[in-house]
Amino acid sequence: MGTNFENNRVIEMEQLLTEALKAQSAVKPGDNRSCEDYLKLQSAIQRLADYYESPEWKRDFERDEKGEIPKDIARGVLSEDGIYNMLERNRDILDEIVGSHKIVVIFPGIGYHSDKPLLYFTKKLARENGYIVFETTYEFPNKPGDIKGNREKMKDAFEIAMEQAAGQLSPLKLGGCGDVLFVGKSIGTAISAYYNEQNKIGARQILFTPVPQTFELLMPGSTQTTSDGDKATGSASGSESSNPGSTIVFHGNADPWCPTDIAIEMSKELDLPLYITDNANHSLETGAALTDIANLETILGTVSNYIKEA
């Protein structure tokens, strides 16, 4: 009758398929919230796609044909067209969402996730301006402290995160979206810059506390791969961009991950508006709560104006 592991796999995949079909029935074109909720399911749908193309699906299908799966286990996931039809519908829905909405993609840092202040409020501002939000996630084998200052580990972390983010973003085909905004934090700024260039997305970018490698990846014709860890902050001082409105940078002049002279020199060379927050670390925080709140208001005011410029 098959092993418990094999039967549990069928149960799990059946649950994912049921969830995906329910979401497809609920999504409404033009309704940002339902479209955003649907995008959150893409990692689960990708798991179904991987299963459908794997030897495990074929084995489970054959076990079902032989009557080896208990009859009380639902197995629509093993029908000839169950997953296939869902995946075809998924492509159509994604094409419709990407083609008719403004999308902001969040690239968090290693320890600075998307519910921390800079990213949390940037998401809210984007939604207020009609964007739907897609958040990338990645897992790392090392802690931020193990990566800082170690170029080899930074490079490894970048490549790991880049592969994971690319896998999550590829089904969206963002090149077909008329208004894409990338928001990166720390190592996420390097991933944002690299993915944008490699896939010719043409996204505008908000870069919170970029690591030095991010600037290298923003250089015209750059084909490098890089990385880094996490912490942040920003306030004022800028320049005109050769690609007006395309990218803005926020940096704290007490950021241990990126020397301020590098941030200033590279921003000037690339013609990027640079907003510096005094005494702020890699999280754009100073340690004084009221100062940090005031700085956050200044930073987010700049972010709000930038988002509205589109």
C-alpha atoms as a PDB file:
ATOM      1  CA  MET A   1       0.000   0.000   0.000  1.00  0.00           C
ATOM      2  CA  GLY A   2       3.027   2.251  -0.194  1.00  0.00           C
ATOM      3  CA  THR A   3       4.954   3.837   2.666  1.00  0.00           C
ATOM      4  CA  ASN A   4       3.543   6.444   5.015  1.00  0.00           C
ATOM      5  CA  PHE A   5       6.044   8.900   3.542  1.00  0.00           C
ATOM      6  CA  GLU A   6       4.748   8.320   0.019  1.00  0.00           C
ATOM      7  CA  ASN A   7       1.112   8.579   1.072  1.00  0.00           C
ATOM      8  CA  ASN A   8       1.802  11.705   3.123  1.00  0.00           C
ATOM      9  CA  ARG A   9       3.438  13.223   0.046  1.00  0.00           C
ATOM     10  CA  VAL A  10       0.241  12.689  -1.941  1.00  0.00           C
ATOM     11  CA  ILE A  11      -1.810  14.207   0.902  1.00  0.00           C
ATOM     12  CA  GLU A  12       0.477  17.254   1.070  1.00  0.00           C
ATOM     13  CA  MET A  13       0.446  17.844  -2.680  1.00  0.00           C
ATOM     14  CA  GLU A  14      -3.328  17.398  -2.781  1.00  0.00           C
ATOM     15  CA  GLN A  15      -3.668  20.107  -0.140  1.00  0.00           C
ATOM     16  CA  LEU A  16      -1.440  22.445  -2.165  1.00  0.00           C
ATOM     17  CA  LEU A  17      -3.488  21.812  -5.303  1.00  0.00           C
ATOM     18  CA  THR A  18      -6.741  22.462  -3.446  1.00  0.00           C
ATOM     19  CA  GLU A  19      -5.320  25.721  -2.071  1.00  0.00           C
ATOM     20  CA  ALA A  20      -4.139  26.806  -5.527  1.00  0.00           C
ATOM     21  CA  LEU A  21      -7.486  26.058  -7.188  1.00  0.00           C
ATOM     22  CA  LYS A  22      -9.318  27.930  -4.432  1.00  0.00           C
ATOM     23  CA  ALA A  23      -7.033  30.946  -4.919  1.00  0.00           C
ATOM     24  CA  GLN A  24      -7.576  30.874  -8.680  1.00  0.00           C
ATOM     25  CA  SER A  25     -11.330  31.050  -8.114  1.00  0.00           C
ATOM     26  CA  ALA A  26     -10.924  33.936  -5.661  1.00  0.00           C
ATOM     27  CA  VAL A  27      -8.533  36.179  -7.603  1.00  0.00           C
ATOM     28  CA  LYS A  28     -10.217  39.190  -9.202  1.00  0.00           C
ATOM     29  CA  PRO A  29      -8.561  41.211 -11.982  1.00  0.00           C
ATOM     30  CA  GLY A  30      -8.237  44.801 -10.856  1.00  0.00           C
ATOM     31  CA  ASP A  31      -8.483  43.910  -7.158  1.00  0.00           C
ATOM     32  CA  ASN A  32      -4.994  44.570  -5.818  1.00  0.00           C
ATOM     33  CA  ARG A  33      -5.459  42.672  -2.582  1.00  0.00           C
ATOM     34  CA  SER A  34      -6.656  39.438  -4.179  1.00  0.00           C
ATOM     35  CA  CYS A  35      -3.900  39.680  -6.802  1.00  0.00           C
ATOM     36  CA  GLU A  36      -1.280  40.211  -4.104  1.00  0.00           C
ATOM     37  CA  ASP A  37      -2.625  37.251  -2.134  1.00  0.00           C
ATOM     38  CA  TYR A  38      -2.403  35.146  -5.270  1.00  0.00           C
ATOM     39  CA  LEU A  39       1.242  36.070  -5.829  1.00  0.00           C
ATOM     40  CA  LYS A  40       2.044  34.820  -2.331  1.00  0.00           C
ATOM     41  CA  LEU A  41       1.060  31.321  -3.445  1.00  0.00           C
ATOM     42  CA  GLN A  42       3.663  31.094  -6.182  1.00  0.00           C
ATOM     43  CA  SER A  43       6.195  29.215  -4.067  1.00  0.00           C
ATOM     44  CA  ALA A  44       3.551  26.558  -3.296  1.00  0.00           C
ATOM     45  CA  ILE A  45       2.548  26.378  -6.956  1.00  0.00           C
ATOM     46  CA  GLN A  46       6.197  25.953  -7.909  1.00  0.00           C
ATOM     47  CA  ARG A  47       6.418  23.003  -5.519  1.00  0.00           C
ATOM     48  CA  LEU A  48       3.473  21.446  -7.343  1.00  0.00           C
ATOM     49  CA  ALA A  49       5.146  22.067 -10.702  1.00  0.00           C
ATOM     50  CA  ASP A  50       8.376  20.459  -9.454  1.00  0.00           C
ATOM     51  CA  TYR A  51       6.428  17.462  -8.138  1.00  0.00           C
ATOM     52  CA  TYR A  52       4.501  17.076 -11.396  1.00  0.00           C
ATOM     53  CA  GLU A  53       7.765  16.932 -13.366  1.00  0.00           C
ATOM     54  CA  SER A  54       9.494  14.563 -10.932  1.00  0.00           C
ATOM     55  CA  PRO A  55       9.837  10.761 -10.780  1.00  0.00           C
ATOM     56  CA  GLU A  56       7.858  10.908  -7.522  1.00  0.00           C
ATOM     57  CA  TRP A  57       4.664  11.968  -9.337  1.00  0.00           C
ATOM     58  CA  LYS A  58       5.053   9.165 -11.853  1.00  0.00           C
ATOM     59  CA  ARG A  59       5.623   6.674  -9.046  1.00  0.00           C
ATOM     60  CA  ASP A  60       2.568   7.916  -7.140  1.00  0.00           C
ATOM     61  CA  PHE A  61       0.510   7.809 -10.331  1.00  0.00           C
ATOM     62  CA  GLU A  62       1.525   4.188 -10.925  1.00  0.00           C
ATOM     63  CA  ARG A  63       0.770   3.278  -7.303  1.00  0.00           C
ATOM     64  CA  ASP A  64      -2.686   4.782  -7.723  1.00  0.00           C
ATOM     65  CA  GLU A  65      -3.263   2.785 -10.889  1.00  0.00           C
ATOM     66  CA  LYS A  66      -2.387  -0.392  -8.972  1.00  0.00           C
ATOM     67  CA  GLY A  67      -4.717   0.496  -6.092  1.00  0.00           C
ATOM     68  CA  GLU A  68      -1.834   0.899  -3.643  1.00  0.00           C
ATOM     69  CA  ILE A  69      -3.036   4.224  -2.227  1.00  0.00           C
ATOM     70  CA  PRO A  70      -5.697   3.990   0.509  1.00  0.00           C
ATOM     71  CA  LYS A  71      -9.115   4.940  -0.851  1.00  0.00           C
ATOM     72  CA  ASP A  72      -9.694   7.544   1.882  1.00  0.00           C
ATOM     73  CA  ILE A  73      -6.822   9.653   0.499  1.00  0.00           C
ATOM     74  CA  ALA A  74      -7.922  12.295  -2.021  1.00  0.00           C
ATOM     75  CA  ARG A  75      -5.759  12.123  -5.139  1.00  0.00           C
ATOM     76  CA  GLY A  76      -6.951  14.702  -7.649  1.00  0.00           C
ATOM     77  CA  VAL A  77      -3.298  15.692  -7.806  1.00  0.00           C
ATOM     78  CA  LEU A  78      -2.642  12.376  -9.590  1.00  0.00           C
ATOM     79  CA  SER A  79      -5.200  12.877 -12.361  1.00  0.00           C
ATOM     80  CA  GLU A  80      -3.773  13.245 -15.876  1.00  0.00           C
ATOM     81  CA  ASP A  81      -4.774  16.898 -16.155  1.00  0.00           C
ATOM     82  CA  GLY A  82      -5.195  18.103 -12.553  1.00  0.00           C
ATOM     83  CA  ILE A  83      -1.880  19.872 -11.991  1.00  0.00           C
ATOM     84  CA  TYR A  84      -1.364  20.589 -15.697  1.00  0.00           C
ATOM     85  CA  ASN A  85      -4.619  22.566 -16.014  1.00  0.00           C
ATOM     86  CA  MET A  86      -3.902  24.457 -12.795  1.00  0.00           C
ATOM     87  CA  LEU A  87      -0.433  25.436 -14.058  1.00  0.00           C
ATOM     88  CA  GLU A  88      -1.831  26.621 -17.393  1.00  0.00           C
ATOM     89  CA  ARG A  89      -4.404  28.730 -15.561  1.00  0.00           C
ATOM     90  CA  ASN A  90      -1.650  30.035 -13.306  1.00  0.00           C
ATOM     91  CA  ARG A  91       0.323  31.301 -16.312  1.00  0.00           C
ATOM     92  CA  ASP A  92      -2.743  33.101 -17.635  1.00  0.00           C
ATOM     93  CA  ILE A  93      -3.461  34.715 -14.264  1.00  0.00           C
ATOM     94  CA  LEU A  94       0.148  35.836 -13.803  1.00  0.00           C
ATOM     95  CA  ASP A  95       0.220  37.332 -17.298  1.00  0.00           C
ATOM     96  CA  GLU A  96      -2.955  39.248 -16.498  1.00  0.00           C
ATOM     97  CA  ILE A  97      -1.689  40.473 -13.117  1.00  0.00           C
ATOM     98  CA  VAL A  98       1.725  41.538 -14.429  1.00  0.00           C
ATOM     99  CA  GLY A  99       0.265  43.138 -17.533  1.00  0.00           C
ATOM    100  CA  SER A 100      -2.338  45.240 -15.737  1.00  0.00           C
ATOM    101  CA  HIS A 101      -0.829  46.206 -12.376  1.00  0.00           C
ATOM    102  CA  LYS A 102       2.050  48.161 -10.889  1.00  0.00           C
ATOM    103  CA  ILE A 103       4.319  45.815  -8.938  1.00  0.00           C
ATOM    104  CA  VAL A 104       6.852  46.421  -6.172  1.00  0.00           C
ATOM    105  CA  VAL A 105       9.312  43.627  -5.367  1.00  0.00           C
ATOM    106  CA  ILE A 106      10.927  43.495  -1.928  1.00  0.00           C
ATOM    107  CA  PHE A 107      14.466  42.125  -1.549  1.00  0.00           C
ATOM    108  CA  PRO A 108      15.150  41.961   2.222  1.00  0.00           C
ATOM    109  CA  GLY A 109      18.502  41.719   3.964  1.00  0.00           C
ATOM    110  CA  ILE A 110      19.868  38.692   5.765  1.00  0.00           C
ATOM    111  CA  GLY A 111      18.624  39.806   9.175  1.00  0.00           C
ATOM    112  CA  TYR A 112      16.474  42.732   8.104  1.00  0.00           C
ATOM    113  CA  HIS A 113      13.183  41.148   7.057  1.00  0.00           C
ATOM    114  CA  SER A 114      10.295  42.849   5.315  1.00  0.00           C
ATOM    115  CA  ASP A 115       8.352  43.617   8.505  1.00  0.00           C
ATOM    116  CA  LYS A 116      11.090  45.869   9.885  1.00  0.00           C
ATOM    117  CA  PRO A 117      10.488  49.648   9.652  1.00  0.00           C
ATOM    118  CA  LEU A 118      12.166  50.641   6.377  1.00  0.00           C
ATOM    119  CA  LEU A 119      10.589  47.842   4.351  1.00  0.00           C
ATOM    120  CA  TYR A 120       7.303  47.647   6.266  1.00  0.00           C
ATOM    121  CA  PHE A 121       6.432  51.298   5.689  1.00  0.00           C
ATOM    122  CA  THR A 122       7.773  51.317   2.136  1.00  0.00           C
ATOM    123  CA  LYS A 123       5.337  48.495   1.352  1.00  0.00           C
ATOM    124  CA  LYS A 124       2.488  50.518   2.860  1.00  0.00           C
ATOM    125  CA  LEU A 125       3.445  53.581   0.813  1.00  0.00           C
ATOM    126  CA  ALA A 126       3.602  51.486  -2.348  1.00  0.00           C
ATOM    127  CA  ARG A 127       0.147  50.011  -1.715  1.00  0.00           C
ATOM    128  CA  GLU A 128      -1.246  53.488  -1.091  1.00  0.00           C
ATOM    129  CA  ASN A 129       0.021  54.401  -4.553  1.00  0.00           C
ATOM    130  CA  GLY A 130      -1.644  51.468  -6.284  1.00  0.00           C
ATOM    131  CA  TYR A 131       1.183  48.911  -6.304  1.00  0.00           C
ATOM    132  CA  ILE A 132       0.808  45.257  -5.453  1.00  0.00           C
ATOM    133  CA  VAL A 133       3.629  43.790  -3.380  1.00  0.00           C
ATOM    134  CA  PHE A 134       5.698  40.685  -4.040  1.00  0.00           C
ATOM    135  CA  GLU A 135       8.197  39.708  -1.346  1.00  0.00           C
ATOM    136  CA  THR A 136      11.191  37.528  -2.097  1.00  0.00           C
ATOM    137  CA  THR A 137      12.633  35.350   0.651  1.00  0.00           C
ATOM    138  CA  TYR A 138      15.876  33.473   1.021  1.00  0.00           C
ATOM    139  CA  GLU A 139      17.641  31.276   3.547  1.00  0.00           C
ATOM    140  CA  PHE A 140      21.339  31.411   4.345  1.00  0.00           C
ATOM    141  CA  PRO A 141      23.718  28.879   5.923  1.00  0.00           C
ATOM    142  CA  ASN A 142      25.621  31.640   7.778  1.00  0.00           C
ATOM    143  CA  LYS A 143      24.679  34.335  10.277  1.00  0.00           C
ATOM    144  CA  PRO A 144      25.237  38.017   9.340  1.00  0.00           C
ATOM    145  CA  GLY A 145      28.188  38.255  11.712  1.00  0.00           C
ATOM    146  CA  ASP A 146      29.913  35.385   9.959  1.00  0.00           C
ATOM    147  CA  ILE A 147      29.612  37.100   6.582  1.00  0.00           C
ATOM    148  CA  LYS A 148      30.589  40.708   7.309  1.00  0.00           C
ATOM    149  CA  GLY A 149      34.102  41.426   6.089  1.00  0.00           C
ATOM    150  CA  ASN A 150      34.508  38.016   4.476  1.00  0.00           C
ATOM    151  CA  ARG A 151      34.320  38.568   0.729  1.00  0.00           C
ATOM    152  CA  GLU A 152      34.165  34.862  -0.088  1.00  0.00           C
ATOM    153  CA  LYS A 153      31.240  34.232   2.277  1.00  0.00           C
ATOM    154  CA  MET A 154      29.550  37.374   0.997  1.00  0.00           C
ATOM    155  CA  LYS A 155      29.861  36.112  -2.547  1.00  0.00           C
ATOM    156  CA  ASP A 156      28.478  32.709  -1.536  1.00  0.00           C
ATOM    157  CA  ALA A 157      25.548  34.335   0.292  1.00  0.00           C
ATOM    158  CA  PHE A 158      24.774  36.491  -2.733  1.00  0.00           C
ATOM    159  CA  GLU A 159      24.748  33.511  -5.081  1.00  0.00           C
ATOM    160  CA  ILE A 160      22.509  31.499  -2.738  1.00  0.00           C
ATOM    161  CA  ALA A 161      20.041  34.368  -2.344  1.00  0.00           C
ATOM    162  CA  MET A 162      20.138  35.222  -6.040  1.00  0.00           C
ATOM    163  CA  GLU A 163      19.242  31.681  -7.045  1.00  0.00           C
ATOM    164  CA  GLN A 164      16.335  31.564  -4.610  1.00  0.00           C
ATOM    165  CA  ALA A 165      15.000  35.000  -5.566  1.00  0.00           C
ATOM    166  CA  ALA A 166      15.310  34.279  -9.285  1.00  0.00           C
ATOM    167  CA  GLY A 167      13.335  31.074  -8.866  1.00  0.00           C
ATOM    168  CA  GLN A 168      10.535  32.965  -7.141  1.00  0.00           C
ATOM    169  CA  LEU A 169      10.481  35.801  -9.672  1.00  0.00           C
ATOM    170  CA  SER A 170      10.858  33.926 -12.956  1.00  0.00           C
ATOM    171  CA  PRO A 171       7.162  32.884 -13.251  1.00  0.00           C
ATOM    172  CA  LEU A 172       6.120  36.548 -13.034  1.00  0.00           C
ATOM    173  CA  LYS A 173       7.861  37.627 -16.261  1.00  0.00           C
ATOM    174  CA  LEU A 174       8.288  41.152 -14.915  1.00  0.00           C
ATOM    175  CA  GLY A 175       9.630  42.396 -18.236  1.00  0.00           C
ATOM    176  CA  GLY A 176       5.989  42.592 -19.324  1.00  0.00           C
ATOM    177  CA  CYS A 177       5.016  44.955 -16.503  1.00  0.00           C
ATOM    178  CA  GLY A 178       4.802  48.628 -17.317  1.00  0.00           C
ATOM    179  CA  ASP A 179       5.763  49.855 -13.832  1.00  0.00           C
ATOM    180  CA  VAL A 180       8.105  47.776 -11.663  1.00  0.00           C
ATOM    181  CA  LEU A 181       9.716  49.055  -8.479  1.00  0.00           C
ATOM    182  CA  PHE A 182      12.501  47.093  -6.749  1.00  0.00           C
ATOM    183  CA  VAL A 183      13.173  47.798  -3.062  1.00  0.00           C
ATOM    184  CA  GLY A 184      16.340  46.285  -1.614  1.00  0.00           C
ATOM    185  CA  LYS A 185      17.936  46.228   1.818  1.00  0.00           C
ATOM    186  CA  SER A 186      21.620  45.374   2.357  1.00  0.00           C
ATOM    187  CA  ILE A 187      22.393  42.191   0.383  1.00  0.00           C
ATOM    188  CA  GLY A 188      18.944  42.614  -1.147  1.00  0.00           C
ATOM    189  CA  THR A 189      20.217  45.725  -2.938  1.00  0.00           C
ATOM    190  CA  ALA A 190      22.842  43.615  -4.724  1.00  0.00           C
ATOM    191  CA  ILE A 191      20.213  41.046  -5.699  1.00  0.00           C
ATOM    192  CA  SER A 192      17.907  43.809  -6.920  1.00  0.00           C
ATOM    193  CA  ALA A 193      20.627  45.424  -9.024  1.00  0.00           C
ATOM    194  CA  TYR A 194      21.816  42.148 -10.508  1.00  0.00           C
ATOM    195  CA  TYR A 195      18.374  40.725 -11.296  1.00  0.00           C
ATOM    196  CA  ASN A 196      17.245  44.004 -12.814  1.00  0.00           C
ATOM    197  CA  GLU A 197      20.250  44.166 -15.137  1.00  0.00           C
ATOM    198  CA  GLN A 198      20.455  40.485 -16.060  1.00  0.00           C
ATOM    199  CA  ASN A 199      16.776  40.242 -16.933  1.00  0.00           C
ATOM    200  CA  LYS A 200      16.422  43.711 -18.485  1.00  0.00           C
ATOM    201  CA  ILE A 201      13.447  44.528 -16.256  1.00  0.00           C
ATOM    202  CA  GLY A 202      13.927  48.300 -16.357  1.00  0.00           C
ATOM    203  CA  ALA A 203      12.765  48.609 -12.736  1.00  0.00           C
ATOM    204  CA  ARG A 204      13.202  51.736 -10.678  1.00  0.00           C
ATOM    205  CA  GLN A 205      15.103  50.938  -7.486  1.00  0.00           C
ATOM    206  CA  ILE A 206      15.097  52.068  -3.863  1.00  0.00           C
ATOM    207  CA  LEU A 207      18.309  50.858  -2.230  1.00  0.00           C
ATOM    208  CA  PHE A 208      18.476  50.926   1.573  1.00  0.00           C
ATOM    209  CA  THR A 209      22.032  50.652   2.933  1.00  0.00           C
ATOM    210  CA  PRO A 210      23.622  49.013  -0.100  1.00  0.00           C
ATOM    211  CA  VAL A 211      26.783  46.990   0.377  1.00  0.00           C
ATOM    212  CA  PRO A 212      29.861  48.002  -1.663  1.00  0.00           C
ATOM    213  CA  GLN A 213      29.257  45.181  -4.137  1.00  0.00           C
ATOM    214  CA  THR A 214      25.886  46.685  -5.055  1.00  0.00           C
ATOM    215  CA  PHE A 215      27.613  49.703  -6.576  1.00  0.00           C
ATOM    216  CA  GLU A 216      29.836  47.384  -8.610  1.00  0.00           C
ATOM    217  CA  LEU A 217      26.742  45.654  -9.966  1.00  0.00           C
ATOM    218  CA  LEU A 218      25.189  48.996 -10.891  1.00  0.00           C
ATOM    219  CA  MET A 219      28.160  49.887 -13.079  1.00  0.00           C
ATOM    220  CA  PRO A 220      27.268  49.882 -16.803  1.00  0.00           C
ATOM    221  CA  GLY A 221      27.997  46.498 -18.344  1.00  0.00           C
ATOM    222  CA  SER A 222      28.740  44.845 -15.010  1.00  0.00           C
ATOM    223  CA  THR A 223      28.550  41.049 -15.114  1.00  0.00           C
ATOM    224  CA  GLN A 224      29.939  40.439 -11.637  1.00  0.00           C
ATOM    225  CA  THR A 225      28.311  38.461  -8.868  1.00  0.00           C
ATOM    226  CA  THR A 226      28.566  39.604  -5.257  1.00  0.00           C
ATOM    227  CA  SER A 227      26.974  39.704  -1.727  1.00  0.00           C
ATOM    228  CA  ASP A 228      26.596  40.840   1.912  1.00  0.00           C
ATOM    229  CA  GLY A 229      24.836  40.803   5.227  1.00  0.00           C
ATOM    230  CA  ASP A 230      22.565  43.226   7.150  1.00  0.00           C
ATOM    231  CA  LYS A 231      21.778  46.403   9.357  1.00  0.00           C
ATOM    232  CA  ALA A 232      20.659  50.197   8.056  1.00  0.00           C
ATOM    233  CA  THR A 233      19.683  54.295   7.835  1.00  0.00           C
ATOM    234  CA  GLY A 234      19.492  57.682   5.734  1.00  0.00           C
ATOM    235  CA  SER A 235      18.597  61.477   5.388  1.00  0.00           C
ATOM    236  CA  ALA A 236      19.805  64.060   2.825  1.00  0.00           C
ATOM    237  CA  SER A 237      22.262  64.968   0.057  1.00  0.00           C
ATOM    238  CA  GLY A 238      21.767  64.001  -3.566  1.00  0.00           C
ATOM    239  CA  SER A 239      22.682  64.292  -7.219  1.00  0.00           C
ATOM    240  CA  GLU A 240      21.070  64.086 -10.649  1.00  0.00           C
ATOM    241  CA  SER A 241      20.916  60.683 -12.286  1.00  0.00           C
ATOM    242  CA  SER A 242      21.886  60.016 -15.884  1.00  0.00           C
ATOM    243  CA  ASN A 243      18.752  57.859 -15.904  1.00  0.00           C
ATOM    244  CA  PRO A 244      16.443  60.301 -14.041  1.00  0.00           C
ATOM    245  CA  GLY A 245      14.412  58.743 -11.264  1.00  0.00           C
ATOM    246  CA  SER A 246      15.741  55.246 -11.870  1.00  0.00           C
ATOM    247  CA  THR A 247      17.556  54.557  -8.563  1.00  0.00           C
ATOM    248  CA  ILE A 248      17.940  56.270  -5.197  1.00  0.00           C
ATOM    249  CA  VAL A 249      20.273  55.284  -2.363  1.00  0.00           C
ATOM    250  CA  PHE A 250      20.003  55.583   1.431  1.00  0.00           C
ATOM    251  CA  HIS A 251      23.098  55.248   3.608  1.00  0.00           C
ATOM    252  CA  GLY A 252      24.058  55.783   7.253  1.00  0.00           C
ATOM    253  CA  ASN A 253      27.478  57.284   7.864  1.00  0.00           C
ATOM    254  CA  ALA A 254      28.056  54.884  10.772  1.00  0.00           C
ATOM    255  CA  ASP A 255      27.294  51.821   8.646  1.00  0.00           C
ATOM    256  CA  PRO A 256      29.971  49.171   9.328  1.00  0.00           C
ATOM    257  CA  TRP A 257      29.058  47.246   6.172  1.00  0.00           C
ATOM    258  CA  CYS A 258      29.804  50.066   3.719  1.00  0.00           C
ATOM    259  CA  PRO A 259      32.295  52.912   4.245  1.00  0.00           C
ATOM    260  CA  THR A 260      30.718  56.308   3.653  1.00  0.00           C
ATOM    261  CA  ASP A 261      33.481  57.425   1.300  1.00  0.00           C
ATOM    262  CA  ILE A 262      32.656  54.480  -0.961  1.00  0.00           C
ATOM    263  CA  ALA A 263      28.929  55.264  -0.877  1.00  0.00           C
ATOM    264  CA  ILE A 264      29.607  58.914  -1.766  1.00  0.00           C
ATOM    265  CA  GLU A 265      32.233  58.204  -4.420  1.00  0.00           C
ATOM    266  CA  MET A 266      30.244  55.468  -6.159  1.00  0.00           C
ATOM    267  CA  SER A 267      26.942  57.338  -6.016  1.00  0.00           C
ATOM    268  CA  LYS A 268      28.638  60.340  -7.584  1.00  0.00           C
ATOM    269  CA  GLU A 269      30.267  58.209 -10.275  1.00  0.00           C
ATOM    270  CA  LEU A 270      26.935  56.540 -11.078  1.00  0.00           C
ATOM    271  CA  ASP A 271      24.938  59.781 -10.785  1.00  0.00           C
ATOM    272  CA  LEU A 272      22.674  58.335  -8.111  1.00  0.00           C
ATOM    273  CA  PRO A 273      20.825  60.509  -5.595  1.00  0.00           C
ATOM    274  CA  LEU A 274      22.350  59.631  -2.208  1.00  0.00           C
ATOM    275  CA  TYR A 275      20.570  60.336   1.090  1.00  0.00           C
ATOM    276  CA  ILE A 276      22.818  60.107   4.145  1.00  0.00           C
ATOM    277  CA  THR A 277      21.633  59.827   7.745  1.00  0.00           C
ATOM    278  CA  ASP A 278      24.097  61.079  10.342  1.00  0.00           C
ATOM    279  CA  ASN A 279      25.326  58.617  12.972  1.00  0.00           C
ATOM    280  CA  ALA A 280      23.098  55.880  11.527  1.00  0.00           C
ATOM    281  CA  ASN A 281      24.106  52.252  11.300  1.00  0.00           C
ATOM    282  CA  HIS A 282      23.264  49.515   8.792  1.00  0.00           C
ATOM    283  CA  SER A 283      19.623  49.653   9.910  1.00  0.00           C
ATOM    284  CA  LEU A 284      19.578  53.428   9.505  1.00  0.00           C
ATOM    285  CA  GLU A 285      19.235  53.728  13.269  1.00  0.00           C
ATOM    286  CA  THR A 286      21.249  55.771  15.764  1.00  0.00           C
ATOM    287  CA  GLY A 287      20.187  54.115  19.016  1.00  0.00           C
ATOM    288  CA  ALA A 288      18.171  57.154  20.119  1.00  0.00           C
ATOM    289  CA  ALA A 289      14.492  56.282  19.668  1.00  0.00           C
ATOM    290  CA  LEU A 290      13.082  59.761  19.023  1.00  0.00           C
ATOM    291  CA  THR A 291      15.943  60.601  16.651  1.00  0.00           C
ATOM    292  CA  ASP A 292      15.322  57.368  14.767  1.00  0.00           C
ATOM    293  CA  ILE A 293      11.598  58.138  14.478  1.00  0.00           C
ATOM    294  CA  ALA A 294      12.350  61.600  13.106  1.00  0.00           C
ATOM    295  CA  ASN A 295      14.920  60.189  10.688  1.00  0.00           C
ATOM    296  CA  LEU A 296      12.472  57.508   9.568  1.00  0.00           C
ATOM    297  CA  GLU A 297       9.897  60.169   8.774  1.00  0.00           C
ATOM    298  CA  THR A 298      12.461  62.035   6.656  1.00  0.00           C
ATOM    299  CA  ILE A 299      13.550  58.877   4.842  1.00  0.00           C
ATOM    300  CA  LEU A 300       9.996  57.750   4.157  1.00  0.00           C
ATOM    301  CA  GLY A 301       9.025  61.213   2.967  1.00  0.00           C
ATOM    302  CA  THR A 302      11.723  60.933   0.314  1.00  0.00           C
ATOM    303  CA  VAL A 303      10.582  57.395  -0.516  1.00  0.00           C
ATOM    304  CA  SER A 304       6.973  58.557  -0.819  1.00  0.00           C
ATOM    305  CA  ASN A 305       7.897  61.322  -3.247  1.00  0.00           C
ATOM    306  CA  TYR A 306      10.014  58.914  -5.276  1.00  0.00           C
ATOM    307  CA  ILE A 307       7.199  56.371  -5.543  1.00  0.00           C
ATOM    308  CA  LYS A 308       4.760  59.055  -6.665  1.00  0.00           C
ATOM    309  CA  GLU A 309       7.123  60.252  -9.404  1.00  0.00           C
ATOM    310  CA  ALA A 310       6.199  57.256 -11.560  1.00  0.00           C
END
